[in-house]
N, C-alpha and C. Protein backbone atom coordinates (compact mmCIF):
# COMPACT_ATOMS: atom_id res chain seq x y z
N MET A 1 4.37 9.87 19.43
CA MET A 1 3.30 9.28 19.25
C MET A 1 2.90 8.67 18.16
N ILE A 2 2.53 7.60 18.20
CA ILE A 2 2.30 7.00 16.80
C ILE A 2 0.48 7.18 16.46
N LYS A 3 0.33 7.47 15.30
CA LYS A 3 -0.78 7.88 14.58
C LYS A 3 -0.90 7.57 13.15
N ILE A 4 -2.37 7.21 12.96
CA ILE A 4 -2.49 6.56 11.67
C ILE A 4 -3.00 7.72 10.88
N LYS A 5 -2.99 7.93 9.55
CA LYS A 5 -3.10 9.09 8.97
C LYS A 5 -3.75 8.39 7.28
N VAL A 6 -4.79 8.96 6.88
CA VAL A 6 -5.20 8.22 5.55
C VAL A 6 -5.74 9.63 4.29
N PHE A 7 -5.44 9.36 3.49
CA PHE A 7 -5.16 9.95 2.20
C PHE A 7 -6.43 9.27 1.28
N ASP A 8 -7.44 10.16 0.73
CA ASP A 8 -8.27 9.53 -0.37
C ASP A 8 -8.33 10.92 -1.01
N ALA A 9 -9.80 10.45 -1.71
CA ALA A 9 -10.06 11.65 -2.61
C ALA A 9 -10.84 12.89 -2.01
N ALA A 10 -11.26 12.43 -0.43
CA ALA A 10 -11.68 13.68 0.29
C ALA A 10 -10.63 14.19 0.73
N ASN A 11 -9.43 13.63 1.06
CA ASN A 11 -8.73 14.30 1.81
C ASN A 11 -7.46 13.70 1.29
N LYS A 12 -7.13 14.60 0.25
CA LYS A 12 -5.79 14.38 -0.40
C LYS A 12 -4.59 15.48 -0.07
N PRO A 13 -3.24 14.31 -0.39
CA PRO A 13 -2.21 14.81 0.56
C PRO A 13 -1.87 16.24 -0.24
N ASP A 14 -1.06 16.88 0.21
CA ASP A 14 -0.36 18.42 -0.56
C ASP A 14 1.00 17.86 -0.98
N ASN A 15 1.50 18.65 -2.23
CA ASN A 15 2.61 18.26 -2.93
C ASN A 15 3.74 17.99 -1.84
N ILE A 16 3.91 18.68 -0.87
CA ILE A 16 5.25 18.46 0.07
C ILE A 16 4.74 16.76 0.35
N GLU A 17 3.37 16.37 1.09
CA GLU A 17 3.50 15.22 1.65
C GLU A 17 3.79 14.15 0.72
N LYS A 18 3.15 14.41 -0.56
CA LYS A 18 2.86 13.46 -1.42
C LYS A 18 4.58 12.85 -1.72
N VAL A 19 5.48 14.39 -1.96
CA VAL A 19 6.95 13.57 -2.10
C VAL A 19 7.46 13.25 -1.16
N GLU A 20 6.71 13.10 -0.09
CA GLU A 20 7.92 12.58 1.43
C GLU A 20 7.08 10.98 1.40
N ILE A 21 5.98 10.78 1.07
CA ILE A 21 5.36 9.63 0.89
C ILE A 21 5.88 8.99 -0.08
N VAL A 22 6.32 9.62 -1.49
CA VAL A 22 6.76 8.85 -2.46
C VAL A 22 8.20 8.41 -2.07
N ASN A 23 8.95 9.28 -1.34
CA ASN A 23 10.45 9.07 -0.82
C ASN A 23 10.52 8.11 -0.02
N PHE A 24 9.37 7.99 0.85
CA PHE A 24 9.59 6.78 1.50
C PHE A 24 9.56 5.62 1.44
N LEU A 25 8.48 5.27 0.25
CA LEU A 25 8.49 4.32 -0.01
C LEU A 25 9.27 3.73 -1.00
N SER A 26 9.93 4.76 -2.08
CA SER A 26 10.99 4.36 -2.70
C SER A 26 12.08 3.84 -1.84
N GLU A 27 12.46 4.28 -0.81
CA GLU A 27 13.48 3.94 0.20
C GLU A 27 13.16 3.01 0.98
N HIS A 28 11.98 2.88 1.57
CA HIS A 28 12.00 1.43 2.45
C HIS A 28 11.11 0.35 1.60
N LEU A 29 10.86 0.52 0.37
CA LEU A 29 10.28 -0.72 -0.18
C LEU A 29 11.88 -1.75 -0.81
N GLN A 30 12.97 -0.97 -0.78
CA GLN A 30 14.11 -1.53 -0.83
C GLN A 30 14.19 -2.12 -2.63
N GLU A 31 14.61 -3.52 -2.71
CA GLU A 31 14.51 -4.29 -3.77
C GLU A 31 12.97 -4.37 -4.47
N TYR A 32 12.35 -4.38 -3.43
CA TYR A 32 10.95 -4.97 -3.74
C TYR A 32 10.01 -3.47 -4.53
N GLY A 33 10.85 -2.17 -4.68
CA GLY A 33 10.18 -0.86 -4.85
C GLY A 33 10.00 -0.91 -6.45
N ASP A 34 9.20 0.31 -6.94
CA ASP A 34 9.49 0.73 -8.09
C ASP A 34 10.08 1.93 -8.28
N PRO A 35 10.13 2.60 -9.93
CA PRO A 35 10.68 4.14 -9.56
C PRO A 35 9.82 4.82 -9.37
N LYS A 36 10.21 6.07 -8.59
CA LYS A 36 9.16 6.98 -8.10
C LYS A 36 8.17 7.42 -8.88
N GLU A 37 8.24 7.33 -10.18
CA GLU A 37 7.18 7.92 -10.89
C GLU A 37 6.20 6.76 -10.70
N ASP A 38 6.10 5.77 -10.88
CA ASP A 38 5.43 4.67 -10.88
C ASP A 38 4.52 4.80 -9.13
N ILE A 39 5.39 4.91 -8.32
CA ILE A 39 4.88 5.06 -6.84
C ILE A 39 3.76 6.24 -6.83
N LYS A 40 4.00 7.45 -7.34
CA LYS A 40 3.33 8.50 -7.58
C LYS A 40 2.21 8.27 -8.01
N LYS A 41 2.28 7.59 -9.26
CA LYS A 41 1.28 7.58 -10.23
C LYS A 41 -0.21 6.18 -9.09
N ALA A 42 0.86 5.69 -8.30
CA ALA A 42 0.01 4.59 -7.51
C ALA A 42 -0.89 5.73 -6.54
N ILE A 43 -0.33 6.65 -6.29
CA ILE A 43 -1.05 7.56 -5.16
C ILE A 43 -1.87 8.35 -5.62
N ASP A 44 -1.41 8.81 -6.63
CA ASP A 44 -2.43 9.54 -7.28
C ASP A 44 -3.57 8.88 -7.76
N TYR A 45 -3.51 7.70 -8.18
CA TYR A 45 -4.69 7.15 -8.39
C TYR A 45 -5.72 6.60 -7.05
N SER A 46 -4.69 6.36 -5.95
CA SER A 46 -5.58 6.41 -4.81
C SER A 46 -6.13 7.64 -4.38
N VAL A 47 -6.15 8.68 -4.72
CA VAL A 47 -6.64 10.02 -4.18
C VAL A 47 -7.39 10.24 -5.47
N LYS A 48 -7.64 9.67 -6.44
CA LYS A 48 -8.06 10.27 -7.93
C LYS A 48 -7.90 11.86 -8.12
N GLU A 49 -6.49 11.79 -8.40
CA GLU A 49 -6.00 13.10 -8.85
C GLU A 49 -6.56 12.93 -10.37
N PHE A 50 -6.53 11.95 -11.04
CA PHE A 50 -7.37 11.67 -12.39
C PHE A 50 -8.31 11.06 -12.14
N THR A 51 -9.26 10.50 -13.27
CA THR A 51 -10.07 9.49 -13.47
C THR A 51 -9.67 8.17 -12.96
N SER A 52 -10.14 7.80 -12.08
CA SER A 52 -9.93 6.44 -11.71
C SER A 52 -10.93 6.13 -10.59
N PHE A 53 -10.59 4.95 -9.97
CA PHE A 53 -11.65 4.08 -9.15
C PHE A 53 -11.42 4.67 -7.73
N GLY A 54 -10.22 4.99 -7.46
CA GLY A 54 -9.80 5.56 -6.35
C GLY A 54 -9.18 4.44 -5.41
N GLY A 55 -9.23 4.76 -3.93
CA GLY A 55 -9.12 3.89 -2.96
C GLY A 55 -8.30 4.62 -1.94
N PHE A 56 -7.23 4.59 -1.20
CA PHE A 56 -6.48 5.81 -0.36
C PHE A 56 -5.02 5.07 -0.04
N THR A 57 -4.31 5.93 0.91
CA THR A 57 -2.93 5.80 0.89
C THR A 57 -3.11 6.34 2.60
N MET A 58 -2.37 5.27 3.18
CA MET A 58 -2.52 5.39 4.84
C MET A 58 -1.22 5.10 5.25
N LEU A 59 -0.80 5.76 6.52
CA LEU A 59 0.52 6.16 6.86
C LEU A 59 0.24 6.05 8.61
N ILE A 60 1.24 5.49 8.94
CA ILE A 60 1.69 5.47 10.25
C ILE A 60 2.56 6.44 10.78
N MET A 61 2.26 7.48 11.15
CA MET A 61 3.55 8.42 11.70
C MET A 61 3.78 8.26 13.09
N ASP A 62 5.39 8.67 13.24
CA ASP A 62 5.56 8.86 14.61
C ASP A 62 5.98 10.60 15.17
N ASP A 63 5.19 11.02 15.58
CA ASP A 63 5.98 12.33 15.65
C ASP A 63 6.03 13.12 14.31
N ASN A 64 4.92 12.85 13.54
CA ASN A 64 4.76 13.63 12.37
C ASN A 64 6.30 13.19 11.37
N VAL A 65 6.76 11.62 11.69
CA VAL A 65 7.76 11.32 10.71
C VAL A 65 6.81 10.08 10.36
N ILE A 66 7.06 9.69 8.94
CA ILE A 66 6.32 8.09 8.44
C ILE A 66 7.09 7.34 8.95
N VAL A 67 6.62 6.24 9.50
CA VAL A 67 7.28 4.89 9.75
C VAL A 67 6.56 4.03 9.07
N GLY A 68 5.77 3.78 8.16
CA GLY A 68 4.89 3.02 7.69
C GLY A 68 3.88 3.41 6.57
N ALA A 69 3.76 2.99 5.45
CA ALA A 69 3.21 3.38 4.43
C ALA A 69 2.20 2.10 3.59
N THR A 70 1.03 2.62 3.43
CA THR A 70 0.39 1.36 2.43
C THR A 70 -0.31 2.31 1.35
N VAL A 71 -0.31 1.51 -0.16
CA VAL A 71 -1.15 2.21 -0.98
C VAL A 71 -2.33 1.21 -1.56
N ILE A 72 -3.55 1.39 -1.73
CA ILE A 72 -4.75 0.71 -1.59
C ILE A 72 -5.19 1.15 -2.93
N ASN A 73 -5.29 0.89 -4.06
CA ASN A 73 -6.18 1.13 -5.10
C ASN A 73 -7.55 0.23 -5.42
N GLN A 74 -8.51 1.06 -5.55
CA GLN A 74 -9.76 -0.03 -6.24
C GLN A 74 -9.82 -0.28 -7.58
N THR A 75 -10.49 -1.30 -7.62
CA THR A 75 -10.17 -1.90 -9.04
C THR A 75 -11.59 -1.93 -10.05
N GLY A 76 -12.52 -1.63 -9.05
CA GLY A 76 -13.79 -1.29 -10.01
C GLY A 76 -14.32 -2.42 -10.53
N MET A 77 -13.71 -3.54 -9.92
CA MET A 77 -14.20 -4.89 -10.91
C MET A 77 -14.66 -6.11 -9.57
N GLY A 78 -15.30 -5.18 -8.81
CA GLY A 78 -15.75 -6.16 -7.45
C GLY A 78 -16.92 -7.31 -7.78
N GLY A 79 -16.73 -8.41 -7.44
CA GLY A 79 -17.69 -9.83 -7.69
C GLY A 79 -17.01 -11.04 -8.14
N TYR A 80 -16.07 -10.32 -9.54
CA TYR A 80 -15.17 -11.37 -9.82
C TYR A 80 -13.67 -11.31 -10.02
N ILE A 81 -13.45 -9.76 -9.83
CA ILE A 81 -12.00 -9.78 -9.56
C ILE A 81 -12.05 -9.16 -7.82
N PRO A 82 -11.03 -9.11 -6.94
CA PRO A 82 -10.83 -8.44 -6.14
C PRO A 82 -11.15 -6.76 -6.11
N GLU A 83 -11.80 -6.34 -4.97
CA GLU A 83 -12.54 -4.79 -5.10
C GLU A 83 -10.96 -3.61 -4.88
N ASN A 84 -10.00 -4.32 -4.26
CA ASN A 84 -8.90 -3.58 -4.28
C ASN A 84 -7.67 -4.37 -4.41
N ILE A 85 -6.58 -3.70 -4.51
CA ILE A 85 -5.25 -4.19 -5.24
C ILE A 85 -4.47 -3.65 -4.08
N LEU A 86 -3.69 -4.09 -3.43
CA LEU A 86 -2.66 -3.55 -2.59
C LEU A 86 -1.29 -3.37 -3.32
N VAL A 87 -0.81 -2.01 -3.62
CA VAL A 87 -0.19 -2.10 -4.53
C VAL A 87 1.30 -1.68 -3.82
N TYR A 88 1.41 -1.11 -2.58
CA TYR A 88 2.40 -1.03 -1.69
C TYR A 88 2.18 -1.43 -0.42
N VAL A 89 3.27 -1.68 0.73
CA VAL A 89 3.30 -1.15 1.96
C VAL A 89 4.58 -1.93 2.15
N ALA A 90 4.90 -0.67 2.96
CA ALA A 90 6.74 -0.66 3.81
C ALA A 90 6.45 -0.13 5.26
N THR A 91 7.59 -0.36 5.93
CA THR A 91 7.78 0.18 6.97
C THR A 91 9.23 0.36 7.16
N HIS A 92 9.28 1.46 7.84
CA HIS A 92 10.73 2.03 8.09
C HIS A 92 11.65 1.06 8.41
N LYS A 93 12.99 0.89 8.16
CA LYS A 93 13.84 -0.08 8.10
C LYS A 93 14.44 0.04 9.74
N ASP A 94 14.19 1.20 10.36
CA ASP A 94 14.24 1.03 11.70
C ASP A 94 13.00 0.75 12.93
N TYR A 95 11.87 0.55 12.15
CA TYR A 95 10.65 0.02 12.91
C TYR A 95 10.67 -1.06 12.75
N ARG A 96 11.02 -2.05 11.82
CA ARG A 96 10.76 -3.36 11.60
C ARG A 96 10.76 -4.34 12.65
N GLY A 97 9.99 -5.31 12.97
CA GLY A 97 10.14 -6.05 13.74
C GLY A 97 9.13 -5.58 14.98
N LYS A 98 8.24 -4.73 15.17
CA LYS A 98 7.69 -4.45 16.17
C LYS A 98 6.32 -3.91 16.18
N GLY A 99 6.11 -4.90 14.81
CA GLY A 99 4.78 -5.29 14.48
C GLY A 99 3.69 -4.04 14.21
N LEU A 100 4.68 -3.08 13.85
CA LEU A 100 4.03 -1.86 12.82
C LEU A 100 3.26 -2.37 11.41
N GLY A 101 4.09 -3.25 10.65
CA GLY A 101 3.49 -3.34 9.66
C GLY A 101 2.28 -4.20 9.82
N LYS A 102 2.30 -5.24 10.51
CA LYS A 102 1.07 -6.07 10.73
C LYS A 102 -0.02 -4.89 11.23
N ASN A 103 0.25 -4.07 12.09
CA ASN A 103 -0.97 -2.97 12.45
C ASN A 103 -1.09 -2.16 11.44
N LEU A 104 -0.51 -1.92 10.59
CA LEU A 104 -0.74 -1.12 9.61
C LEU A 104 -1.44 -1.85 8.28
N MET A 105 -1.34 -3.01 8.18
CA MET A 105 -1.62 -4.03 7.13
C MET A 105 -3.62 -4.13 7.64
N GLN A 106 -3.45 -4.51 9.03
CA GLN A 106 -4.70 -4.87 9.81
C GLN A 106 -5.77 -3.52 9.77
N LYS A 107 -5.23 -2.12 9.60
CA LYS A 107 -6.22 -0.70 9.41
C LYS A 107 -6.34 -1.40 8.08
N ALA A 108 -5.72 -1.07 7.42
CA ALA A 108 -5.89 -0.96 5.70
C ALA A 108 -6.93 -2.15 5.40
N ILE A 109 -6.94 -3.11 6.11
CA ILE A 109 -7.82 -4.29 5.48
C ILE A 109 -9.06 -4.01 6.08
N ASP A 110 -9.07 -3.34 7.99
CA ASP A 110 -10.21 -2.73 7.88
C ASP A 110 -11.33 -1.81 7.31
N TYR A 111 -10.31 -0.72 6.46
CA TYR A 111 -10.73 0.34 6.03
C TYR A 111 -10.98 0.29 4.71
N SER A 112 -10.87 -0.93 3.99
CA SER A 112 -10.94 -1.38 2.98
C SER A 112 -12.53 -1.94 3.00
N LYS A 113 -12.97 -1.53 1.69
CA LYS A 113 -14.32 -2.15 1.21
C LYS A 113 -14.26 -3.15 0.40
N GLY A 114 -14.56 -4.46 0.81
CA GLY A 114 -14.41 -5.50 -0.33
C GLY A 114 -12.92 -6.25 -0.16
N ASP A 115 -12.77 -7.46 -1.05
CA ASP A 115 -11.51 -8.23 -1.07
C ASP A 115 -10.21 -7.45 -1.34
N ILE A 116 -9.21 -8.04 -0.95
CA ILE A 116 -7.91 -7.51 -1.14
C ILE A 116 -7.07 -8.38 -2.11
N ALA A 117 -6.50 -8.06 -3.16
CA ALA A 117 -5.13 -9.17 -3.63
C ALA A 117 -4.33 -8.12 -3.56
N LEU A 118 -2.94 -8.78 -3.99
CA LEU A 118 -1.64 -8.26 -3.64
C LEU A 118 -0.74 -9.15 -4.63
N HIS A 119 0.26 -8.45 -5.17
CA HIS A 119 1.46 -9.07 -6.10
C HIS A 119 2.58 -9.22 -4.66
N VAL A 120 3.23 -10.06 -4.86
CA VAL A 120 4.40 -10.44 -3.82
C VAL A 120 5.43 -11.21 -4.33
N GLU A 121 6.63 -11.05 -4.64
CA GLU A 121 7.78 -11.79 -5.06
C GLU A 121 7.90 -13.02 -4.52
N ALA A 122 8.15 -14.12 -4.56
CA ALA A 122 8.37 -15.45 -4.00
C ALA A 122 9.14 -15.05 -2.97
N ASN A 123 10.35 -14.58 -3.00
CA ASN A 123 11.68 -14.48 -1.74
C ASN A 123 11.13 -12.73 -0.85
N ASN A 124 10.16 -12.42 -1.15
CA ASN A 124 10.02 -11.26 0.04
C ASN A 124 9.29 -11.76 1.34
N PRO A 125 10.50 -11.62 2.20
CA PRO A 125 9.71 -12.17 3.70
C PRO A 125 8.74 -11.75 4.07
N ALA A 126 7.82 -10.60 3.33
CA ALA A 126 6.43 -9.99 3.76
C ALA A 126 5.58 -11.33 3.43
N ILE A 127 5.63 -12.14 2.49
CA ILE A 127 4.83 -13.45 2.75
C ILE A 127 4.19 -13.71 3.56
N HIS A 128 5.18 -14.02 4.57
CA HIS A 128 4.74 -14.22 6.12
C HIS A 128 3.47 -13.70 6.84
N LEU A 129 4.09 -12.41 6.58
CA LEU A 129 3.00 -11.40 7.03
C LEU A 129 1.50 -11.13 6.35
N TYR A 130 1.41 -11.60 5.14
CA TYR A 130 0.25 -11.42 4.66
C TYR A 130 -0.46 -12.98 5.05
N GLU A 131 0.45 -13.95 4.84
CA GLU A 131 -0.08 -15.31 5.37
C GLU A 131 -0.59 -15.11 6.43
N LYS A 132 -0.37 -14.59 7.80
CA LYS A 132 -0.73 -14.75 9.28
C LYS A 132 -2.32 -13.63 8.90
N LEU A 133 -2.20 -12.83 8.21
CA LEU A 133 -3.41 -11.97 7.88
C LEU A 133 -4.84 -12.27 7.46
N GLY A 134 -4.25 -13.47 6.86
CA GLY A 134 -5.63 -14.38 6.00
C GLY A 134 -4.98 -14.48 4.44
N PHE A 135 -3.84 -13.89 4.01
CA PHE A 135 -3.85 -13.88 2.31
C PHE A 135 -3.92 -15.28 2.17
N THR A 136 -4.23 -15.69 1.17
CA THR A 136 -3.83 -17.28 0.39
C THR A 136 -3.53 -16.88 -0.88
N ASN A 137 -2.95 -17.87 -1.52
CA ASN A 137 -2.44 -18.24 -3.00
C ASN A 137 -2.70 -19.19 -3.65
N PRO A 138 -4.61 -18.85 -4.23
CA PRO A 138 -5.00 -20.10 -4.79
C PRO A 138 -4.72 -20.36 -6.33
N TYR A 139 -4.16 -18.73 -6.92
CA TYR A 139 -3.75 -18.91 -8.15
C TYR A 139 -2.25 -18.87 -8.75
N LEU A 140 -2.03 -19.12 -9.75
CA LEU A 140 -0.56 -18.83 -10.35
C LEU A 140 -0.75 -17.68 -11.44
N GLU A 141 0.02 -16.62 -11.17
CA GLU A 141 -0.11 -15.83 -11.79
C GLU A 141 0.38 -15.69 -12.99
N MET A 142 0.05 -15.41 -14.42
CA MET A 142 1.18 -15.74 -15.76
C MET A 142 0.89 -14.37 -16.32
N ARG A 143 1.75 -13.59 -16.89
CA ARG A 143 1.77 -12.69 -17.80
C ARG A 143 2.21 -12.58 -18.87
N LEU A 144 1.65 -11.86 -19.92
CA LEU A 144 2.03 -11.68 -21.25
C LEU A 144 2.53 -10.07 -21.34
N LYS A 145 4.16 -10.00 -21.36
CA LYS A 145 4.54 -8.65 -21.46
C LYS A 145 4.49 -8.37 -23.10
N LYS A 146 3.88 -7.39 -23.46
CA LYS A 146 4.19 -6.73 -24.92
C LYS A 146 5.04 -5.41 -25.26
């Protein structure tokens, strides 16, 4: 049975759940992922394990197995920067093409308060999903690495 599970500052994952989420995202983000330590930091930020603006981590579960996950962090900069940034979203490779990613994204959009920004690599096929959900690309991102 498919169900949605949300973790935030009021409902934090325990250590076992956190490891499962990190492992899931590490595996299913594939080449678009980050090191496990960075994924864990984003989850910890979302549930306010340390001083942060918070956010949430949302899962799609199928009989207590994670089949989709997203991490959204609040920026604390509403009004001139989107209030939220979508840090990670992934669906289990065996569940792709069944609408779970779209369902997860729509629930995360509905759950979020304020605008959402995201970064996506130009060759990531998820771009098409983001565009279908109404995300646009009005800016060119530039970075200075130090």
